[in-house]
Structure formats: structure tokens, C-alpha cells
């Protein structure tokens, strides 16, 4: 499996006031020995606003190629268009198509999506209708992406609606498209299956934790984000992402199960970690050791 690192770690949170330029990140990852970089589609990295035309995008692709780095995925910015809201369907699909064109230009094999809705916002009596509406939008998005040979990946997490294990499996099944898969982030999986963060009064805990969650999702998983979790939320919103070995996830026990997924990329995700820059080399060494352990 190839290993990449998410560029958003150096533009969000602690780095927001002094983001590291995208190509500087790429140079560091290449020097460290990574196979690729996962691209943040939010400003100031590779947003469709900052890179609106083909020549600028192709130049980035050329620079990455010269460094020997592939693109493992593209995290698009859909924050202004909630796909689950009635009336947003065509606006979302139009924005989705623009991001697909970015993926094509930079050579990304996949595009990340989320529900764009905070947990608890959808009333219980409207859950079925909202899931149906969201599934219809993502089904059409998956079809659009399939024409460009780009996979759609849904990243579930405690900070967004539909974060219970059964909801994750159910919504994936409702989308019902072969080009739509789950993005399994280990920290989010821990928070959703063990801590049951932001699940309201009816929590859904898996006794087998992340390992059981992996089994439930099975071949629905199309991509991995790897990072440790200490069981806390960052700002009471999303999973705290910690460097490997500083949390509660038993990675070496999980290694054979992760390896069995046969996904192409394992992406290190240190989003919002204050010193992610110093973790570039240690993270690669840790992931490579996991891959050897799981072989």
C-alpha cells in the first residue's frame, strides 16, 4: 500500500495563521520518502477559486510529478452547499462537477465528501427523508465522478450527522452506487464506535471497537486515514487527532485487518495537530512498520 500525508494539516487549526505553502509541503514529503500527498481543496491550498484554470492546475501536477509524488485524493470544499437540504441538489452537483475537473487536472483518483450537517440538527422524524435526499444526491454525484474515473469517498465523523456505525452502513447502502465508498478515518472510527461522541441520548457503542467497525464496513471502505485518538473531541466538535502511539487505538492489532482491505492508499491525517510538521518522518516510519506487521 502507498503512503501519503494530508496537506490540510498545515493549513487548518494551529497553522491557519501561518499556513505552509502547498508545494513546500510536497517537497518535504518527497524528501521524507512518501509516495504521495492528499490535497486540501480549501484555501490557501488547491481550491477551485485559487486555481480556476487548467494551466495553473497542470503546473501543480507537473511539479508534483517532478518530485515523484502522486496525489492520493482531493478534499473538496463543499461547506457552502449542504447536499442534504431540500433545493440544494443541482447547486451541489454543479459545484461537485467543478471539483471533479480539478481532480482530473491534478491526477486525483478520488474526491472526499461529508454530510455538511452537524449532529442533532436533523429532527428524528425527518431522519429518513434527509437520508433519502442525501443518498439521491450522492448517487448522482458518484455517477458524474465515474465518468471521469474518480471515486467518491464519504468521510463520516462525530462532527457531522449520521455518525453512528449503523447509520454509516445504512447510508452507504442507500447511495447504492459502485463508485461510492467510505473513507475510514481511524480516529473518527474510534470516537464513533467506542466513545460514541455526539450521538445524543441513544448512543451506539461497538464492544469490539474499531476492529468491529472495520468488520461492519468491510468492502464498503475505499480509502484510509490513519491517526491516533485519545478519546477526546477537539473544541467539542470533531475527533482530536494525535500522533501514533499517543492515543488509545491498538494499531498493531488492527494491522492485519487494515492490510486485508486492499485499499491503494494509507493517508496520514494530523489535522489540527499543533506540531504536525515534526511528525512527518515519524509518521511514515510508523505506517511502514504497520504495513510490515500486517503483511
C-alpha atoms as a PDB file:
ATOM      1  CA  UNK A   1       0.000   0.000   0.000  1.00  0.00           C
ATOM      2  CA  UNK A   2       1.188   3.506  -0.793  1.00  0.00           C
ATOM      3  CA  UNK A   3       1.502   6.158   1.926  1.00  0.00           C
ATOM      4  CA  UNK A   4       0.529   9.826   1.686  1.00  0.00           C
ATOM      5  CA  UNK A   5       0.056  12.753   4.062  1.00  0.00           C
ATOM      6  CA  UNK A   6      -2.894  15.180   4.131  1.00  0.00           C
ATOM      7  CA  UNK A   7      -1.838  18.725   3.292  1.00  0.00           C
ATOM      8  CA  UNK A   8      -4.689  20.236   5.357  1.00  0.00           C
ATOM      9  CA  UNK A   9      -2.656  19.501   8.500  1.00  0.00           C
ATOM     10  CA  UNK A  10      -0.576  22.550   7.577  1.00  0.00           C
ATOM     11  CA  UNK A  11      -3.390  24.977   6.773  1.00  0.00           C
ATOM     12  CA  UNK A  12      -6.125  24.312   9.365  1.00  0.00           C
ATOM     13  CA  UNK A  13      -6.247  24.978  13.097  1.00  0.00           C
ATOM     14  CA  UNK A  14      -2.855  25.891  14.600  1.00  0.00           C
ATOM     15  CA  UNK A  15      -1.460  26.531  11.107  1.00  0.00           C
ATOM     16  CA  UNK A  16      -4.325  28.758   9.927  1.00  0.00           C
ATOM     17  CA  UNK A  17      -2.467  31.957  10.835  1.00  0.00           C
ATOM     18  CA  UNK A  18       0.740  30.821   9.119  1.00  0.00           C
ATOM     19  CA  UNK A  19      -0.145  28.084   6.588  1.00  0.00           C
ATOM     20  CA  UNK A  20       2.688  26.192   4.945  1.00  0.00           C
ATOM     21  CA  UNK A  21       2.591  26.652   1.144  1.00  0.00           C
ATOM     22  CA  UNK A  22       1.357  23.561  -0.659  1.00  0.00           C
ATOM     23  CA  UNK A  23       4.459  22.961  -2.764  1.00  0.00           C
ATOM     24  CA  UNK A  24       6.705  23.401   0.271  1.00  0.00           C
ATOM     25  CA  UNK A  25       4.758  20.595   1.940  1.00  0.00           C
ATOM     26  CA  UNK A  26       5.137  18.468  -1.177  1.00  0.00           C
ATOM     27  CA  UNK A  27       8.896  18.980  -1.225  1.00  0.00           C
ATOM     28  CA  UNK A  28       9.168  17.933   2.425  1.00  0.00           C
ATOM     29  CA  UNK A  29       7.037  14.812   1.891  1.00  0.00           C
ATOM     30  CA  UNK A  30       9.051  13.792  -1.152  1.00  0.00           C
ATOM     31  CA  UNK A  31      12.309  14.193   0.756  1.00  0.00           C
ATOM     32  CA  UNK A  32      10.914  12.097   3.614  1.00  0.00           C
ATOM     33  CA  UNK A  33      10.049   9.243   1.238  1.00  0.00           C
ATOM     34  CA  UNK A  34       6.258   9.461   0.956  1.00  0.00           C
ATOM     35  CA  UNK A  35       4.589   8.065  -2.147  1.00  0.00           C
ATOM     36  CA  UNK A  36       2.042  10.855  -2.367  1.00  0.00           C
ATOM     37  CA  UNK A  37       0.202  13.821  -0.970  1.00  0.00           C
ATOM     38  CA  UNK A  38      -3.510  14.139  -0.217  1.00  0.00           C
ATOM     39  CA  UNK A  39      -4.685  17.528  -1.393  1.00  0.00           C
ATOM     40  CA  UNK A  40      -6.628  20.079   0.617  1.00  0.00           C
ATOM     41  CA  UNK A  41      -9.162  21.774  -1.674  1.00  0.00           C
ATOM     42  CA  UNK A  42      -9.705  24.615   0.795  1.00  0.00           C
ATOM     43  CA  UNK A  43      -7.876  27.918   0.564  1.00  0.00           C
ATOM     44  CA  UNK A  44      -4.959  28.576   0.721  1.00  0.00           C
ATOM     45  CA  UNK A  45      -4.094  25.232  -0.875  1.00  0.00           C
ATOM     46  CA  UNK A  46      -5.597  23.907  -4.118  1.00  0.00           C
ATOM     47  CA  UNK A  47      -9.083  25.430  -4.114  1.00  0.00           C
ATOM     48  CA  UNK A  48     -11.069  25.814  -7.314  1.00  0.00           C
ATOM     49  CA  UNK A  49     -11.186  29.563  -6.590  1.00  0.00           C
ATOM     50  CA  UNK A  50      -7.399  29.975  -6.390  1.00  0.00           C
ATOM     51  CA  UNK A  51      -6.754  27.565  -9.270  1.00  0.00           C
ATOM     52  CA  UNK A  52      -9.666  28.270 -11.627  1.00  0.00           C
ATOM     53  CA  UNK A  53      -7.997  27.310 -14.889  1.00  0.00           C
ATOM     54  CA  UNK A  54      -6.257  24.353 -16.471  1.00  0.00           C
ATOM     55  CA  UNK A  55      -2.741  25.799 -16.842  1.00  0.00           C
ATOM     56  CA  UNK A  56      -2.360  26.558 -13.121  1.00  0.00           C
ATOM     57  CA  UNK A  57      -3.616  23.136 -12.159  1.00  0.00           C
ATOM     58  CA  UNK A  58      -1.423  21.360 -14.677  1.00  0.00           C
ATOM     59  CA  UNK A  59       1.618  23.244 -13.383  1.00  0.00           C
ATOM     60  CA  UNK A  60       0.955  21.896  -9.888  1.00  0.00           C
ATOM     61  CA  UNK A  61       0.597  18.391 -11.335  1.00  0.00           C
ATOM     62  CA  UNK A  62       3.885  18.829 -13.189  1.00  0.00           C
ATOM     63  CA  UNK A  63       5.679  19.987 -10.041  1.00  0.00           C
ATOM     64  CA  UNK A  64       4.353  17.013  -8.061  1.00  0.00           C
ATOM     65  CA  UNK A  65       5.399  14.623 -10.807  1.00  0.00           C
ATOM     66  CA  UNK A  66       8.905  16.070 -10.828  1.00  0.00           C
ATOM     67  CA  UNK A  67       9.069  15.416  -7.080  1.00  0.00           C
ATOM     68  CA  UNK A  68       7.977  11.819  -7.614  1.00  0.00           C
ATOM     69  CA  UNK A  69       4.727  12.349  -5.679  1.00  0.00           C
ATOM     70  CA  UNK A  70       1.316  11.079  -6.703  1.00  0.00           C
ATOM     71  CA  UNK A  71      -1.984  12.529  -5.480  1.00  0.00           C
ATOM     72  CA  UNK A  72      -3.868  10.117  -3.217  1.00  0.00           C
ATOM     73  CA  UNK A  73      -7.099  12.121  -3.008  1.00  0.00           C
ATOM     74  CA  UNK A  74      -8.756  15.536  -3.074  1.00  0.00           C
ATOM     75  CA  UNK A  75     -10.647  17.022  -0.126  1.00  0.00           C
ATOM     76  CA  UNK A  76     -13.080  19.419  -1.798  1.00  0.00           C
ATOM     77  CA  UNK A  77     -14.714  22.396  -0.118  1.00  0.00           C
ATOM     78  CA  UNK A  78     -18.498  21.908  -0.073  1.00  0.00           C
ATOM     79  CA  UNK A  79     -19.134  23.878   3.105  1.00  0.00           C
ATOM     80  CA  UNK A  80     -21.398  26.473   1.466  1.00  0.00           C
ATOM     81  CA  UNK A  81     -23.719  23.963  -0.223  1.00  0.00           C
ATOM     82  CA  UNK A  82     -25.315  21.404   2.085  1.00  0.00           C
ATOM     83  CA  UNK A  83     -26.257  18.360  -0.031  1.00  0.00           C
ATOM     84  CA  UNK A  84     -28.968  17.226   2.398  1.00  0.00           C
ATOM     85  CA  UNK A  85     -31.033  20.416   2.222  1.00  0.00           C
ATOM     86  CA  UNK A  86     -34.098  20.419   0.028  1.00  0.00           C
ATOM     87  CA  UNK A  87     -33.474  22.575  -3.051  1.00  0.00           C
ATOM     88  CA  UNK A  88     -29.661  22.302  -2.997  1.00  0.00           C
ATOM     89  CA  UNK A  89     -29.339  19.285  -5.269  1.00  0.00           C
ATOM     90  CA  UNK A  90     -28.416  20.953  -8.560  1.00  0.00           C
ATOM     91  CA  UNK A  91     -26.245  23.603  -6.927  1.00  0.00           C
ATOM     92  CA  UNK A  92     -24.322  20.862  -5.145  1.00  0.00           C
ATOM     93  CA  UNK A  93     -23.920  18.780  -8.290  1.00  0.00           C
ATOM     94  CA  UNK A  94     -22.696  21.806 -10.246  1.00  0.00           C
ATOM     95  CA  UNK A  95     -20.095  22.507  -7.553  1.00  0.00           C
ATOM     96  CA  UNK A  96     -19.231  18.815  -7.437  1.00  0.00           C
ATOM     97  CA  UNK A  97     -18.578  18.802 -11.202  1.00  0.00           C
ATOM     98  CA  UNK A  98     -16.207  21.760 -10.877  1.00  0.00           C
ATOM     99  CA  UNK A  99     -14.258  19.859  -8.228  1.00  0.00           C
ATOM    100  CA  UNK A 100     -14.182  16.741 -10.394  1.00  0.00           C
ATOM    101  CA  UNK A 101     -12.478  18.827 -13.075  1.00  0.00           C
ATOM    102  CA  UNK A 102      -9.835  19.791 -10.506  1.00  0.00           C
ATOM    103  CA  UNK A 103      -9.332  16.107  -9.666  1.00  0.00           C
ATOM    104  CA  UNK A 104      -8.828  15.295 -13.332  1.00  0.00           C
ATOM    105  CA  UNK A 105      -6.295  18.093 -13.765  1.00  0.00           C
ATOM    106  CA  UNK A 106      -4.119  17.128 -10.788  1.00  0.00           C
ATOM    107  CA  UNK A 107      -4.499  13.377 -11.203  1.00  0.00           C
ATOM    108  CA  UNK A 108      -6.505  12.651  -8.064  1.00  0.00           C
ATOM    109  CA  UNK A 109      -8.130   9.194  -8.039  1.00  0.00           C
ATOM    110  CA  UNK A 110     -10.800  10.236  -5.523  1.00  0.00           C
ATOM    111  CA  UNK A 111     -12.819  13.075  -4.025  1.00  0.00           C
ATOM    112  CA  UNK A 112     -13.904  13.403  -0.387  1.00  0.00           C
ATOM    113  CA  UNK A 113     -17.427  14.383   0.704  1.00  0.00           C
ATOM    114  CA  UNK A 114     -19.272  14.724   4.021  1.00  0.00           C
ATOM    115  CA  UNK A 115     -22.859  15.413   5.098  1.00  0.00           C
ATOM    116  CA  UNK A 116     -22.174  19.115   5.874  1.00  0.00           C
ATOM    117  CA  UNK A 117     -24.700  18.873   8.740  1.00  0.00           C
ATOM    118  CA  UNK A 118     -23.871  18.975  12.435  1.00  0.00           C
ATOM    119  CA  UNK A 119     -25.209  16.081  14.539  1.00  0.00           C
ATOM    120  CA  UNK A 120     -28.533  16.745  16.240  1.00  0.00           C
ATOM    121  CA  UNK A 121     -29.698  19.278  13.664  1.00  0.00           C
ATOM    122  CA  UNK A 122     -31.998  16.844  11.862  1.00  0.00           C
ATOM    123  CA  UNK A 123     -35.154  16.054  13.908  1.00  0.00           C
ATOM    124  CA  UNK A 124     -35.732  12.336  14.479  1.00  0.00           C
ATOM    125  CA  UNK A 125     -38.944  12.379  12.445  1.00  0.00           C
ATOM    126  CA  UNK A 126     -37.074  13.806   9.427  1.00  0.00           C
ATOM    127  CA  UNK A 127     -34.072  11.483   9.534  1.00  0.00           C
ATOM    128  CA  UNK A 128     -35.405   9.056   6.937  1.00  0.00           C
ATOM    129  CA  UNK A 129     -36.277  11.777   4.455  1.00  0.00           C
ATOM    130  CA  UNK A 130     -32.945  13.566   4.879  1.00  0.00           C
ATOM    131  CA  UNK A 131     -31.003  10.326   4.408  1.00  0.00           C
ATOM    132  CA  UNK A 132     -33.015   9.563   1.290  1.00  0.00           C
ATOM    133  CA  UNK A 133     -32.409  13.026  -0.147  1.00  0.00           C
ATOM    134  CA  UNK A 134     -28.692  12.852   0.614  1.00  0.00           C
ATOM    135  CA  UNK A 135     -28.403   9.369  -0.868  1.00  0.00           C
ATOM    136  CA  UNK A 136     -30.032  10.528  -4.114  1.00  0.00           C
ATOM    137  CA  UNK A 137     -27.625  13.464  -4.436  1.00  0.00           C
ATOM    138  CA  UNK A 138     -24.571  11.316  -3.726  1.00  0.00           C
ATOM    139  CA  UNK A 139     -25.759   8.632  -6.129  1.00  0.00           C
ATOM    140  CA  UNK A 140     -25.833  11.189  -8.926  1.00  0.00           C
ATOM    141  CA  UNK A 141     -22.513  12.635  -7.810  1.00  0.00           C
ATOM    142  CA  UNK A 142     -20.973   9.157  -7.893  1.00  0.00           C
ATOM    143  CA  UNK A 143     -22.240   8.719 -11.443  1.00  0.00           C
ATOM    144  CA  UNK A 144     -20.709  12.044 -12.503  1.00  0.00           C
ATOM    145  CA  UNK A 145     -17.403  11.070 -10.929  1.00  0.00           C
ATOM    146  CA  UNK A 146     -17.478   7.622 -12.536  1.00  0.00           C
ATOM    147  CA  UNK A 147     -17.407   9.240 -15.976  1.00  0.00           C
ATOM    148  CA  UNK A 148     -14.046  10.741 -15.015  1.00  0.00           C
ATOM    149  CA  UNK A 149     -12.856   7.511 -13.323  1.00  0.00           C
ATOM    150  CA  UNK A 150     -12.754   9.222  -9.921  1.00  0.00           C
ATOM    151  CA  UNK A 151     -14.084   7.534  -6.776  1.00  0.00           C
ATOM    152  CA  UNK A 152     -16.348   9.316  -4.297  1.00  0.00           C
ATOM    153  CA  UNK A 153     -15.381   8.842  -0.634  1.00  0.00           C
ATOM    154  CA  UNK A 154     -17.658   9.714   2.285  1.00  0.00           C
ATOM    155  CA  UNK A 155     -15.767  10.560   5.461  1.00  0.00           C
ATOM    156  CA  UNK A 156     -18.032  10.025   8.463  1.00  0.00           C
ATOM    157  CA  UNK A 157     -17.060  11.610  11.778  1.00  0.00           C
ATOM    158  CA  UNK A 158     -18.562  12.723  15.103  1.00  0.00           C
ATOM    159  CA  UNK A 159     -18.708  16.325  13.904  1.00  0.00           C
ATOM    160  CA  UNK A 160     -21.291  15.528  11.210  1.00  0.00           C
ATOM    161  CA  UNK A 161     -24.753  13.992  11.095  1.00  0.00           C
ATOM    162  CA  UNK A 162     -25.097  10.210  10.652  1.00  0.00           C
ATOM    163  CA  UNK A 163     -22.105   9.197  12.746  1.00  0.00           C
ATOM    164  CA  UNK A 164     -23.420   6.003  14.356  1.00  0.00           C
ATOM    165  CA  UNK A 165     -21.979   2.776  12.923  1.00  0.00           C
ATOM    166  CA  UNK A 166     -25.389   1.503  11.785  1.00  0.00           C
ATOM    167  CA  UNK A 167     -26.143   4.861  10.120  1.00  0.00           C
ATOM    168  CA  UNK A 168     -22.831   4.784   8.262  1.00  0.00           C
ATOM    169  CA  UNK A 169     -23.550   1.335   6.839  1.00  0.00           C
ATOM    170  CA  UNK A 170     -27.199   2.196   6.110  1.00  0.00           C
ATOM    171  CA  UNK A 171     -26.473   5.445   4.263  1.00  0.00           C
ATOM    172  CA  UNK A 172     -23.751   3.829   2.188  1.00  0.00           C
ATOM    173  CA  UNK A 173     -26.217   1.117   1.170  1.00  0.00           C
ATOM    174  CA  UNK A 174     -28.855   3.732   0.326  1.00  0.00           C
ATOM    175  CA  UNK A 175     -26.497   5.560  -2.040  1.00  0.00           C
ATOM    176  CA  UNK A 176     -26.205   2.222  -3.833  1.00  0.00           C
ATOM    177  CA  UNK A 177     -23.519   3.088  -6.360  1.00  0.00           C
ATOM    178  CA  UNK A 178     -20.359   1.059  -7.047  1.00  0.00           C
ATOM    179  CA  UNK A 179     -18.350   4.274  -7.320  1.00  0.00           C
ATOM    180  CA  UNK A 180     -19.253   5.415  -3.785  1.00  0.00           C
ATOM    181  CA  UNK A 181     -17.160   4.176  -0.842  1.00  0.00           C
ATOM    182  CA  UNK A 182     -16.359   5.001   2.756  1.00  0.00           C
ATOM    183  CA  UNK A 183     -13.313   6.945   3.863  1.00  0.00           C
ATOM    184  CA  UNK A 184     -12.380   5.230   7.131  1.00  0.00           C
ATOM    185  CA  UNK A 185     -10.504   7.583   9.467  1.00  0.00           C
ATOM    186  CA  UNK A 186      -9.239   5.614  12.462  1.00  0.00           C
ATOM    187  CA  UNK A 187      -9.636   8.482  14.947  1.00  0.00           C
ATOM    188  CA  UNK A 188     -13.195   9.172  13.789  1.00  0.00           C
ATOM    189  CA  UNK A 189     -13.960   5.455  13.873  1.00  0.00           C
ATOM    190  CA  UNK A 190     -12.735   5.257  17.472  1.00  0.00           C
ATOM    191  CA  UNK A 191     -14.813   8.253  18.521  1.00  0.00           C
ATOM    192  CA  UNK A 192     -17.924   6.933  16.738  1.00  0.00           C
ATOM    193  CA  UNK A 193     -17.716   3.300  17.849  1.00  0.00           C
ATOM    194  CA  UNK A 194     -16.017   3.424  21.275  1.00  0.00           C
ATOM    195  CA  UNK A 195     -16.630   6.897  22.727  1.00  0.00           C
ATOM    196  CA  UNK A 196     -19.977   7.424  20.923  1.00  0.00           C
ATOM    197  CA  UNK A 197     -19.218  11.134  20.704  1.00  0.00           C
ATOM    198  CA  UNK A 198     -22.024  13.490  19.690  1.00  0.00           C
ATOM    199  CA  UNK A 199     -24.569  10.691  19.299  1.00  0.00           C
ATOM    200  CA  UNK A 200     -27.192  12.162  21.600  1.00  0.00           C
ATOM    201  CA  UNK A 201     -29.066  10.133  24.175  1.00  0.00           C
ATOM    202  CA  UNK A 202     -29.221   6.932  22.100  1.00  0.00           C
ATOM    203  CA  UNK A 203     -25.587   6.022  21.726  1.00  0.00           C
ATOM    204  CA  UNK A 204     -24.331   3.131  19.664  1.00  0.00           C
ATOM    205  CA  UNK A 205     -21.217   1.522  21.090  1.00  0.00           C
ATOM    206  CA  UNK A 206     -19.431  -1.395  19.463  1.00  0.00           C
ATOM    207  CA  UNK A 207     -17.920  -3.755  22.026  1.00  0.00           C
ATOM    208  CA  UNK A 208     -15.225  -4.688  19.536  1.00  0.00           C
ATOM    209  CA  UNK A 209     -14.334  -1.034  18.921  1.00  0.00           C
ATOM    210  CA  UNK A 210     -12.536  -0.008  15.762  1.00  0.00           C
ATOM    211  CA  UNK A 211     -11.885  -3.634  14.792  1.00  0.00           C
ATOM    212  CA  UNK A 212     -15.604  -4.375  14.841  1.00  0.00           C
ATOM    213  CA  UNK A 213     -16.332  -1.181  12.921  1.00  0.00           C
ATOM    214  CA  UNK A 214     -13.851  -2.289  10.263  1.00  0.00           C
ATOM    215  CA  UNK A 215     -15.634  -5.632  10.028  1.00  0.00           C
ATOM    216  CA  UNK A 216     -19.054  -3.970   9.699  1.00  0.00           C
ATOM    217  CA  UNK A 217     -17.849  -1.683   6.934  1.00  0.00           C
ATOM    218  CA  UNK A 218     -15.826  -4.363   5.159  1.00  0.00           C
ATOM    219  CA  UNK A 219     -15.593  -3.874   1.418  1.00  0.00           C
ATOM    220  CA  UNK A 220     -17.509  -0.604   1.694  1.00  0.00           C
ATOM    221  CA  UNK A 221     -14.181   1.026   2.633  1.00  0.00           C
ATOM    222  CA  UNK A 222     -12.316   2.613  -0.256  1.00  0.00           C
ATOM    223  CA  UNK A 223      -9.684   4.712   1.499  1.00  0.00           C
ATOM    224  CA  UNK A 224      -7.907   5.037   4.850  1.00  0.00           C
ATOM    225  CA  UNK A 225      -6.902   7.982   7.008  1.00  0.00           C
ATOM    226  CA  UNK A 226      -4.591   6.840   9.779  1.00  0.00           C
ATOM    227  CA  UNK A 227      -4.112   8.742  13.029  1.00  0.00           C
ATOM    228  CA  UNK A 228      -4.368   8.036  16.740  1.00  0.00           C
ATOM    229  CA  UNK A 229      -7.166   9.129  19.103  1.00  0.00           C
ATOM    230  CA  UNK A 230      -7.066   9.866  22.828  1.00  0.00           C
ATOM    231  CA  UNK A 231     -10.853   9.623  23.111  1.00  0.00           C
ATOM    232  CA  UNK A 232     -11.483  13.359  23.214  1.00  0.00           C
ATOM    233  CA  UNK A 233     -13.125  15.909  20.980  1.00  0.00           C
ATOM    234  CA  UNK A 234     -11.361  18.998  19.717  1.00  0.00           C
ATOM    235  CA  UNK A 235     -13.398  22.014  20.760  1.00  0.00           C
ATOM    236  CA  UNK A 236     -16.349  19.697  21.446  1.00  0.00           C
ATOM    237  CA  UNK A 237     -16.757  19.297  17.682  1.00  0.00           C
ATOM    238  CA  UNK A 238     -14.597  16.725  15.940  1.00  0.00           C
ATOM    239  CA  UNK A 239     -12.106  13.993  16.856  1.00  0.00           C
ATOM    240  CA  UNK A 240      -8.794  15.039  18.341  1.00  0.00           C
ATOM    241  CA  UNK A 241      -6.113  13.687  16.004  1.00  0.00           C
ATOM    242  CA  UNK A 242      -2.946  12.668  17.860  1.00  0.00           C
ATOM    243  CA  UNK A 243       0.385  11.276  16.618  1.00  0.00           C
ATOM    244  CA  UNK A 244       0.729   7.499  16.531  1.00  0.00           C
ATOM    245  CA  UNK A 245       1.367   5.931  19.909  1.00  0.00           C
ATOM    246  CA  UNK A 246      -0.120   8.826  21.890  1.00  0.00           C
ATOM    247  CA  UNK A 247      -3.683   7.546  21.940  1.00  0.00           C
ATOM    248  CA  UNK A 248      -5.902   4.541  22.532  1.00  0.00           C
ATOM    249  CA  UNK A 249      -6.035   2.799  19.158  1.00  0.00           C
ATOM    250  CA  UNK A 250      -4.332  -0.645  19.101  1.00  0.00           C
ATOM    251  CA  UNK A 251      -2.834  -0.214  15.640  1.00  0.00           C
ATOM    252  CA  UNK A 252      -0.630  -3.287  15.596  1.00  0.00           C
ATOM    253  CA  UNK A 253      -3.599  -5.494  16.480  1.00  0.00           C
ATOM    254  CA  UNK A 254      -5.539  -3.800  13.687  1.00  0.00           C
ATOM    255  CA  UNK A 255      -2.705  -4.072  11.153  1.00  0.00           C
ATOM    256  CA  UNK A 256      -3.814  -7.386   9.536  1.00  0.00           C
ATOM    257  CA  UNK A 257      -7.389  -6.099   9.237  1.00  0.00           C
ATOM    258  CA  UNK A 258      -6.223  -2.836   7.670  1.00  0.00           C
ATOM    259  CA  UNK A 259      -3.988  -4.716   5.268  1.00  0.00           C
ATOM    260  CA  UNK A 260      -6.858  -7.008   4.284  1.00  0.00           C
ATOM    261  CA  UNK A 261      -8.854  -4.043   2.971  1.00  0.00           C
ATOM    262  CA  UNK A 262      -6.576  -3.875  -0.086  1.00  0.00           C
ATOM    263  CA  UNK A 263      -7.064  -0.133  -0.494  1.00  0.00           C
ATOM    264  CA  UNK A 264      -4.472   1.650  -2.612  1.00  0.00           C
ATOM    265  CA  UNK A 265      -3.545   4.439  -0.190  1.00  0.00           C
ATOM    266  CA  UNK A 266      -2.944   4.836   3.534  1.00  0.00           C
ATOM    267  CA  UNK A 267      -3.032   8.572   4.300  1.00  0.00           C
ATOM    268  CA  UNK A 268      -1.620  10.079   7.498  1.00  0.00           C
ATOM    269  CA  UNK A 269      -4.097  12.660   8.826  1.00  0.00           C
ATOM    270  CA  UNK A 270      -2.812  15.001  11.550  1.00  0.00           C
ATOM    271  CA  UNK A 271      -5.494  17.632  11.056  1.00  0.00           C
ATOM    272  CA  UNK A 272      -5.447  20.321  13.793  1.00  0.00           C
ATOM    273  CA  UNK A 273      -2.304  18.905  15.446  1.00  0.00           C
ATOM    274  CA  UNK A 274      -0.149  21.797  16.609  1.00  0.00           C
ATOM    275  CA  UNK A 275       3.203  20.302  15.592  1.00  0.00           C
ATOM    276  CA  UNK A 276       2.287  18.181  12.604  1.00  0.00           C
ATOM    277  CA  UNK A 277       5.406  19.348  10.750  1.00  0.00           C
ATOM    278  CA  UNK A 278       7.693  17.466  13.152  1.00  0.00           C
ATOM    279  CA  UNK A 279       5.613  14.304  12.746  1.00  0.00           C
ATOM    280  CA  UNK A 280       6.172  13.829   9.007  1.00  0.00           C
ATOM    281  CA  UNK A 281       9.090  11.387   9.222  1.00  0.00           C
ATOM    282  CA  UNK A 282       7.989   9.548  12.406  1.00  0.00           C
ATOM    283  CA  UNK A 283       4.519   9.010  10.938  1.00  0.00           C
ATOM    284  CA  UNK A 284       5.901   7.451   7.777  1.00  0.00           C
ATOM    285  CA  UNK A 285       8.126   5.113   9.766  1.00  0.00           C
ATOM    286  CA  UNK A 286       5.185   4.073  11.944  1.00  0.00           C
ATOM    287  CA  UNK A 287       2.868   3.380   8.997  1.00  0.00           C
ATOM    288  CA  UNK A 288       5.524   1.377   7.173  1.00  0.00           C
ATOM    289  CA  UNK A 289       6.015  -0.726  10.299  1.00  0.00           C
ATOM    290  CA  UNK A 290       2.264  -1.280  10.459  1.00  0.00           C
ATOM    291  CA  UNK A 291       2.239  -2.465   6.884  1.00  0.00           C
ATOM    292  CA  UNK A 292       5.049  -4.916   7.593  1.00  0.00           C
ATOM    293  CA  UNK A 293       3.217  -6.162  10.678  1.00  0.00           C
ATOM    294  CA  UNK A 294       0.012  -6.686   8.749  1.00  0.00           C
ATOM    295  CA  UNK A 295       1.569  -8.452   5.779  1.00  0.00           C
END
